[in-house]
Amino acid sequence: MKHFASILLALTLVFPAYAEVGFRWCFYFFDFTKSGIMQPWNEAQLEEAAEFIKSYQDSVYLFEISGHCDERYIPLSMKLDEKRAQWVRQYLIDNYNIPASMLIAVGKGAHEPYIRGAKTEVEHEMNRRIEIRMLYK
């Protein structure tokens, strides 16, 4: 189950030398009811994202960090998604010295699932994610 997510993550986290507005990265590393737990391989992925974001410090871009939850327990999701996004934002600020003005955190809840109508735990895991999207200021 976790290996499947790691393989998918490896396929989705290709950091280009140049990215266009709207380009997004997906991170799948949250347990069902947790907001700030990471595995060691997630730290490496966030480090790569942080270096990419830092390369745009003096530009017209900012980065939206959006938290997504699975479709179970929707009332819980609306707070947990935002906590996850805020946690990742603060992690990037504290550990990689990215200016806070470059990062915005939003919660999307279960309204934009990666897999609609998820039935298996693996599918639910894919919906519990953080996306980092490049935007114009």
N, C-alpha and C. Protein backbone atom coordinates (compact mmCIF):
# COMPACT_ATOMS: atom_id res chain seq x y z
N MET A 1 0.82 -1.17 0.00
CA MET A 1 0.00 0.00 0.00
C MET A 1 0.88 1.26 0.00
N LYS A 2 1.81 1.35 0.92
CA LYS A 2 2.68 2.51 0.97
C LYS A 2 3.64 2.53 -0.22
N HIS A 3 4.03 1.34 -0.71
CA HIS A 3 4.92 1.29 -1.86
C HIS A 3 4.23 1.83 -3.10
N PHE A 4 2.94 1.52 -3.26
CA PHE A 4 2.18 2.02 -4.40
C PHE A 4 2.18 3.54 -4.38
N ALA A 5 1.91 4.12 -3.21
CA ALA A 5 1.89 5.58 -3.08
C ALA A 5 3.26 6.17 -3.36
N SER A 6 4.31 5.51 -2.92
CA SER A 6 5.67 6.00 -3.16
C SER A 6 6.01 5.98 -4.64
N ILE A 7 5.57 4.93 -5.33
CA ILE A 7 5.83 4.84 -6.77
C ILE A 7 5.08 5.95 -7.50
N LEU A 8 3.83 6.14 -7.15
CA LEU A 8 3.05 7.20 -7.77
C LEU A 8 3.66 8.56 -7.46
N LEU A 9 4.12 8.75 -6.25
CA LEU A 9 4.75 9.98 -5.86
C LEU A 9 5.99 10.23 -6.70
N ALA A 10 6.80 9.21 -6.89
CA ALA A 10 8.00 9.35 -7.70
C ALA A 10 7.65 9.77 -9.12
N LEU A 11 6.54 9.29 -9.63
CA LEU A 11 6.13 9.65 -10.98
C LEU A 11 5.59 11.07 -11.05
N THR A 12 4.98 11.56 -9.97
CA THR A 12 4.38 12.90 -10.00
C THR A 12 5.36 13.99 -9.57
N LEU A 13 6.44 13.63 -8.91
CA LEU A 13 7.37 14.64 -8.42
C LEU A 13 8.59 14.77 -9.33
N VAL A 14 8.37 15.19 -10.52
CA VAL A 14 9.47 15.45 -11.43
C VAL A 14 9.62 16.96 -11.46
N PHE A 15 10.71 17.45 -10.91
CA PHE A 15 10.90 18.88 -10.81
C PHE A 15 11.63 19.38 -12.06
N PRO A 16 10.94 20.15 -12.86
CA PRO A 16 11.56 20.63 -14.09
C PRO A 16 12.53 21.77 -13.80
N ALA A 17 13.38 22.06 -14.76
CA ALA A 17 14.27 23.21 -14.64
C ALA A 17 13.44 24.49 -14.73
N TYR A 18 12.34 24.42 -15.43
CA TYR A 18 11.43 25.55 -15.58
C TYR A 18 10.01 25.04 -15.45
N ALA A 19 9.18 25.74 -14.73
CA ALA A 19 7.78 25.33 -14.59
C ALA A 19 6.89 26.50 -14.93
N GLU A 20 5.73 26.20 -15.44
CA GLU A 20 4.77 27.24 -15.78
C GLU A 20 3.74 27.41 -14.66
N VAL A 21 3.07 28.55 -14.68
CA VAL A 21 2.00 28.80 -13.72
C VAL A 21 0.97 27.68 -13.85
N GLY A 22 0.51 27.21 -12.72
CA GLY A 22 -0.45 26.12 -12.70
C GLY A 22 0.20 24.77 -12.49
N PHE A 23 1.52 24.68 -12.69
CA PHE A 23 2.22 23.42 -12.46
C PHE A 23 2.06 23.06 -10.99
N ARG A 24 1.79 21.78 -10.70
CA ARG A 24 1.59 21.39 -9.31
C ARG A 24 2.30 20.09 -8.98
N TRP A 25 2.71 20.01 -7.72
CA TRP A 25 3.32 18.81 -7.18
C TRP A 25 2.37 18.22 -6.16
N CYS A 26 2.31 16.91 -6.08
CA CYS A 26 1.46 16.23 -5.09
C CYS A 26 2.33 15.47 -4.11
N PHE A 27 1.99 15.58 -2.83
CA PHE A 27 2.67 14.87 -1.77
C PHE A 27 1.65 14.03 -1.02
N TYR A 28 1.92 12.75 -0.88
CA TYR A 28 1.01 11.83 -0.21
C TYR A 28 1.69 11.29 1.03
N PHE A 29 1.48 11.93 2.18
CA PHE A 29 2.17 11.42 3.36
C PHE A 29 1.41 11.57 4.66
N PHE A 30 0.13 11.74 4.62
CA PHE A 30 -0.62 11.92 5.86
C PHE A 30 -1.43 10.70 6.23
N ASP A 31 -1.41 10.38 7.52
CA ASP A 31 -2.30 9.36 8.05
C ASP A 31 -3.72 9.93 8.09
N PHE A 32 -4.67 9.08 8.35
CA PHE A 32 -6.08 9.45 8.29
C PHE A 32 -6.43 10.67 9.14
N THR A 33 -5.99 10.72 10.38
CA THR A 33 -6.37 11.83 11.26
C THR A 33 -5.19 12.68 11.72
N LYS A 34 -4.09 12.62 11.03
CA LYS A 34 -2.90 13.35 11.46
C LYS A 34 -2.62 14.52 10.51
N SER A 35 -1.94 15.53 11.05
CA SER A 35 -1.62 16.68 10.21
C SER A 35 -0.13 16.93 10.07
N GLY A 36 0.73 16.43 10.94
CA GLY A 36 2.13 16.79 10.86
C GLY A 36 3.11 15.65 10.97
N ILE A 37 2.77 14.49 10.47
CA ILE A 37 3.65 13.33 10.56
C ILE A 37 4.25 13.06 9.19
N MET A 38 5.56 12.93 9.14
CA MET A 38 6.22 12.63 7.87
C MET A 38 7.16 11.46 8.04
N GLN A 39 7.35 10.76 6.95
CA GLN A 39 8.35 9.70 6.88
C GLN A 39 9.64 10.32 6.34
N PRO A 40 10.80 9.68 6.57
CA PRO A 40 12.06 10.26 6.09
C PRO A 40 12.08 10.55 4.58
N TRP A 41 11.44 9.70 3.78
CA TRP A 41 11.46 9.94 2.34
C TRP A 41 10.63 11.17 1.97
N ASN A 42 9.66 11.54 2.80
CA ASN A 42 8.89 12.75 2.54
C ASN A 42 9.73 13.99 2.76
N GLU A 43 10.62 13.94 3.74
CA GLU A 43 11.48 15.09 3.98
C GLU A 43 12.35 15.38 2.77
N ALA A 44 12.86 14.34 2.14
CA ALA A 44 13.69 14.51 0.94
C ALA A 44 12.86 15.12 -0.19
N GLN A 45 11.61 14.71 -0.31
CA GLN A 45 10.75 15.26 -1.36
C GLN A 45 10.44 16.73 -1.09
N LEU A 46 10.17 17.07 0.17
CA LEU A 46 9.92 18.47 0.49
C LEU A 46 11.18 19.32 0.32
N GLU A 47 12.32 18.73 0.60
CA GLU A 47 13.57 19.47 0.40
C GLU A 47 13.75 19.81 -1.07
N GLU A 48 13.45 18.88 -1.94
CA GLU A 48 13.56 19.12 -3.38
C GLU A 48 12.58 20.22 -3.81
N ALA A 49 11.37 20.16 -3.29
CA ALA A 49 10.37 21.19 -3.59
C ALA A 49 10.83 22.54 -3.07
N ALA A 50 11.39 22.56 -1.86
CA ALA A 50 11.85 23.82 -1.26
C ALA A 50 12.95 24.46 -2.10
N GLU A 51 13.87 23.67 -2.56
CA GLU A 51 14.95 24.21 -3.41
C GLU A 51 14.38 24.80 -4.69
N PHE A 52 13.40 24.13 -5.26
CA PHE A 52 12.76 24.64 -6.47
C PHE A 52 12.04 25.96 -6.17
N ILE A 53 11.28 26.00 -5.09
CA ILE A 53 10.55 27.22 -4.72
C ILE A 53 11.52 28.37 -4.47
N LYS A 54 12.61 28.09 -3.77
CA LYS A 54 13.60 29.13 -3.48
C LYS A 54 14.21 29.71 -4.74
N SER A 55 14.28 28.93 -5.79
CA SER A 55 14.85 29.42 -7.05
C SER A 55 13.97 30.49 -7.69
N TYR A 56 12.74 30.66 -7.19
CA TYR A 56 11.82 31.67 -7.70
C TYR A 56 11.61 32.82 -6.72
N GLN A 57 12.54 33.00 -5.77
CA GLN A 57 12.37 34.03 -4.73
C GLN A 57 12.20 35.43 -5.29
N ASP A 58 12.93 35.77 -6.28
CA ASP A 58 12.87 37.14 -6.83
C ASP A 58 12.04 37.17 -8.10
N SER A 59 10.88 36.56 -8.05
CA SER A 59 10.06 36.47 -9.26
C SER A 59 8.64 36.95 -8.98
N VAL A 60 7.81 36.81 -9.97
CA VAL A 60 6.41 37.23 -9.87
C VAL A 60 5.51 36.07 -9.44
N TYR A 61 6.11 35.02 -8.86
CA TYR A 61 5.34 33.84 -8.51
C TYR A 61 5.19 33.69 -7.00
N LEU A 62 4.12 33.01 -6.63
CA LEU A 62 3.97 32.53 -5.28
C LEU A 62 3.47 31.09 -5.38
N PHE A 63 3.43 30.41 -4.27
CA PHE A 63 3.11 28.99 -4.26
C PHE A 63 1.96 28.73 -3.29
N GLU A 64 0.91 28.13 -3.82
CA GLU A 64 -0.25 27.76 -3.02
C GLU A 64 -0.06 26.33 -2.52
N ILE A 65 -0.16 26.17 -1.22
CA ILE A 65 -0.09 24.84 -0.60
C ILE A 65 -1.52 24.49 -0.21
N SER A 66 -2.08 23.50 -0.88
CA SER A 66 -3.47 23.13 -0.58
C SER A 66 -3.53 21.76 0.05
N GLY A 67 -4.31 21.68 1.13
CA GLY A 67 -4.51 20.42 1.83
C GLY A 67 -5.79 19.76 1.36
N HIS A 68 -5.73 18.46 1.13
CA HIS A 68 -6.89 17.69 0.67
C HIS A 68 -7.09 16.50 1.60
N CYS A 69 -8.33 16.12 1.80
CA CYS A 69 -8.68 14.98 2.66
C CYS A 69 -9.48 13.97 1.86
N ASP A 70 -9.59 12.78 2.41
CA ASP A 70 -10.43 11.80 1.73
C ASP A 70 -11.91 12.07 2.05
N GLU A 71 -12.78 11.33 1.42
CA GLU A 71 -14.22 11.62 1.49
C GLU A 71 -14.90 11.12 2.76
N ARG A 72 -14.17 10.48 3.64
CA ARG A 72 -14.74 10.01 4.90
C ARG A 72 -14.70 11.12 5.93
N TYR A 73 -15.72 11.20 6.75
CA TYR A 73 -15.76 12.16 7.86
C TYR A 73 -15.52 13.60 7.39
N ILE A 74 -16.36 14.06 6.52
CA ILE A 74 -16.19 15.38 5.92
C ILE A 74 -16.13 16.51 6.94
N PRO A 75 -16.91 16.53 8.03
CA PRO A 75 -16.74 17.63 9.00
C PRO A 75 -15.32 17.72 9.56
N LEU A 76 -14.70 16.59 9.82
CA LEU A 76 -13.31 16.57 10.29
C LEU A 76 -12.37 17.06 9.20
N SER A 77 -12.66 16.72 7.96
CA SER A 77 -11.81 17.06 6.83
C SER A 77 -11.62 18.56 6.66
N MET A 78 -12.66 19.33 6.92
CA MET A 78 -12.58 20.76 6.66
C MET A 78 -11.59 21.48 7.57
N LYS A 79 -11.27 20.92 8.70
CA LYS A 79 -10.25 21.52 9.56
C LYS A 79 -8.90 20.87 9.34
N LEU A 80 -8.91 19.58 9.14
CA LEU A 80 -7.67 18.82 9.00
C LEU A 80 -6.91 19.20 7.73
N ASP A 81 -7.62 19.45 6.65
CA ASP A 81 -6.97 19.82 5.40
C ASP A 81 -6.19 21.12 5.54
N GLU A 82 -6.80 22.09 6.21
CA GLU A 82 -6.12 23.37 6.41
C GLU A 82 -4.94 23.23 7.37
N LYS A 83 -5.09 22.41 8.41
CA LYS A 83 -3.97 22.17 9.33
C LYS A 83 -2.79 21.55 8.59
N ARG A 84 -3.08 20.62 7.69
CA ARG A 84 -2.01 19.98 6.91
C ARG A 84 -1.30 21.00 6.03
N ALA A 85 -2.07 21.84 5.36
CA ALA A 85 -1.48 22.85 4.49
C ALA A 85 -0.65 23.85 5.31
N GLN A 86 -1.17 24.28 6.46
CA GLN A 86 -0.44 25.21 7.33
C GLN A 86 0.83 24.56 7.86
N TRP A 87 0.74 23.28 8.20
CA TRP A 87 1.91 22.57 8.72
C TRP A 87 3.02 22.53 7.67
N VAL A 88 2.68 22.20 6.44
CA VAL A 88 3.69 22.14 5.36
C VAL A 88 4.24 23.53 5.09
N ARG A 89 3.38 24.55 5.08
CA ARG A 89 3.85 25.93 4.87
C ARG A 89 4.86 26.31 5.94
N GLN A 90 4.51 26.07 7.20
CA GLN A 90 5.41 26.43 8.29
C GLN A 90 6.70 25.61 8.24
N TYR A 91 6.60 24.36 7.86
CA TYR A 91 7.78 23.50 7.73
C TYR A 91 8.74 24.07 6.69
N LEU A 92 8.22 24.52 5.56
CA LEU A 92 9.07 25.11 4.52
C LEU A 92 9.69 26.43 4.98
N ILE A 93 8.93 27.22 5.71
CA ILE A 93 9.45 28.49 6.22
C ILE A 93 10.54 28.24 7.26
N ASP A 94 10.26 27.37 8.22
CA ASP A 94 11.19 27.12 9.33
C ASP A 94 12.45 26.37 8.92
N ASN A 95 12.32 25.41 8.03
CA ASN A 95 13.45 24.54 7.70
C ASN A 95 14.22 24.95 6.46
N TYR A 96 13.63 25.77 5.61
CA TYR A 96 14.30 26.12 4.35
C TYR A 96 14.36 27.62 4.10
N ASN A 97 13.97 28.40 5.10
CA ASN A 97 14.05 29.87 5.02
C ASN A 97 13.35 30.44 3.79
N ILE A 98 12.24 29.86 3.43
CA ILE A 98 11.46 30.40 2.33
C ILE A 98 10.62 31.54 2.91
N PRO A 99 10.63 32.70 2.26
CA PRO A 99 9.84 33.82 2.78
C PRO A 99 8.35 33.46 2.87
N ALA A 100 7.75 33.81 3.99
CA ALA A 100 6.33 33.52 4.20
C ALA A 100 5.46 34.14 3.12
N SER A 101 5.90 35.27 2.57
CA SER A 101 5.12 35.96 1.54
C SER A 101 5.01 35.16 0.23
N MET A 102 5.86 34.15 0.07
CA MET A 102 5.81 33.31 -1.15
C MET A 102 4.84 32.15 -1.03
N LEU A 103 4.35 31.87 0.18
CA LEU A 103 3.57 30.67 0.42
C LEU A 103 2.21 31.00 1.00
N ILE A 104 1.16 30.45 0.40
CA ILE A 104 -0.17 30.58 0.97
C ILE A 104 -0.72 29.17 1.20
N ALA A 105 -1.42 29.01 2.29
CA ALA A 105 -1.97 27.69 2.65
C ALA A 105 -3.50 27.76 2.61
N VAL A 106 -4.10 26.77 1.97
CA VAL A 106 -5.55 26.71 1.89
C VAL A 106 -6.01 25.27 2.11
N GLY A 107 -7.20 25.14 2.64
CA GLY A 107 -7.80 23.82 2.81
C GLY A 107 -8.86 23.59 1.75
N LYS A 108 -8.78 22.47 1.08
CA LYS A 108 -9.75 22.14 0.02
C LYS A 108 -10.74 21.07 0.47
N GLY A 109 -10.54 20.50 1.65
CA GLY A 109 -11.43 19.47 2.14
C GLY A 109 -11.43 18.24 1.25
N ALA A 110 -12.60 17.65 1.10
CA ALA A 110 -12.74 16.46 0.26
C ALA A 110 -13.41 16.81 -1.06
N HIS A 111 -13.41 18.09 -1.40
CA HIS A 111 -14.13 18.56 -2.58
C HIS A 111 -13.40 18.33 -3.89
N GLU A 112 -12.12 18.06 -3.86
CA GLU A 112 -11.35 17.83 -5.08
C GLU A 112 -10.57 16.52 -4.95
N PRO A 113 -11.28 15.39 -4.85
CA PRO A 113 -10.56 14.13 -4.66
C PRO A 113 -9.75 13.75 -5.89
N TYR A 114 -8.64 13.11 -5.65
CA TYR A 114 -7.83 12.59 -6.74
C TYR A 114 -8.54 11.37 -7.33
N ILE A 115 -9.14 10.57 -6.46
CA ILE A 115 -9.91 9.40 -6.88
C ILE A 115 -11.33 9.55 -6.34
N ARG A 116 -12.27 9.88 -7.20
CA ARG A 116 -13.68 10.02 -6.79
C ARG A 116 -14.26 8.66 -6.41
N GLY A 117 -15.05 8.65 -5.35
CA GLY A 117 -15.69 7.42 -4.91
C GLY A 117 -14.71 6.38 -4.41
N ALA A 118 -13.62 6.83 -3.79
CA ALA A 118 -12.60 5.91 -3.29
C ALA A 118 -13.22 4.85 -2.39
N LYS A 119 -12.79 3.62 -2.57
CA LYS A 119 -13.32 2.51 -1.78
C LYS A 119 -12.26 1.82 -0.95
N THR A 120 -11.06 1.71 -1.46
CA THR A 120 -10.00 1.01 -0.74
C THR A 120 -9.17 2.01 0.06
N GLU A 121 -8.43 1.51 1.02
CA GLU A 121 -7.57 2.38 1.83
C GLU A 121 -6.51 3.05 0.96
N VAL A 122 -6.00 2.34 -0.02
CA VAL A 122 -5.00 2.91 -0.93
C VAL A 122 -5.60 4.11 -1.68
N GLU A 123 -6.82 3.96 -2.14
CA GLU A 123 -7.47 5.06 -2.85
C GLU A 123 -7.71 6.24 -1.91
N HIS A 124 -8.12 5.97 -0.68
CA HIS A 124 -8.30 7.05 0.29
C HIS A 124 -6.98 7.75 0.58
N GLU A 125 -5.90 6.99 0.65
CA GLU A 125 -4.58 7.59 0.88
C GLU A 125 -4.21 8.56 -0.23
N MET A 126 -4.59 8.24 -1.45
CA MET A 126 -4.28 9.11 -2.59
C MET A 126 -5.03 10.44 -2.47
N ASN A 127 -6.19 10.43 -1.85
CA ASN A 127 -6.96 11.66 -1.68
C ASN A 127 -6.45 12.51 -0.53
N ARG A 128 -5.74 11.91 0.43
CA ARG A 128 -5.14 12.66 1.54
C ARG A 128 -3.79 13.15 1.06
N ARG A 129 -3.75 14.37 0.62
CA ARG A 129 -2.53 14.86 -0.01
C ARG A 129 -2.36 16.36 0.19
N ILE A 130 -1.18 16.79 -0.13
CA ILE A 130 -0.86 18.21 -0.22
C ILE A 130 -0.46 18.46 -1.67
N GLU A 131 -0.97 19.52 -2.22
CA GLU A 131 -0.53 19.95 -3.54
C GLU A 131 0.13 21.31 -3.40
N ILE A 132 1.23 21.48 -4.09
CA ILE A 132 1.89 22.79 -4.15
C ILE A 132 1.80 23.25 -5.59
N ARG A 133 1.16 24.39 -5.77
CA ARG A 133 0.90 24.89 -7.11
C ARG A 133 1.53 26.26 -7.29
N MET A 134 2.12 26.47 -8.44
CA MET A 134 2.77 27.73 -8.78
C MET A 134 1.73 28.70 -9.35
N LEU A 135 1.69 29.92 -8.79
CA LEU A 135 0.72 30.95 -9.21
C LEU A 135 1.41 32.27 -9.44
N TYR A 136 0.77 33.16 -10.20
CA TYR A 136 1.23 34.54 -10.28
C TYR A 136 0.86 35.27 -9.00
N LYS A 137 1.68 36.22 -8.59
CA LYS A 137 1.36 37.04 -7.41
C LYS A 137 0.18 37.94 -7.71
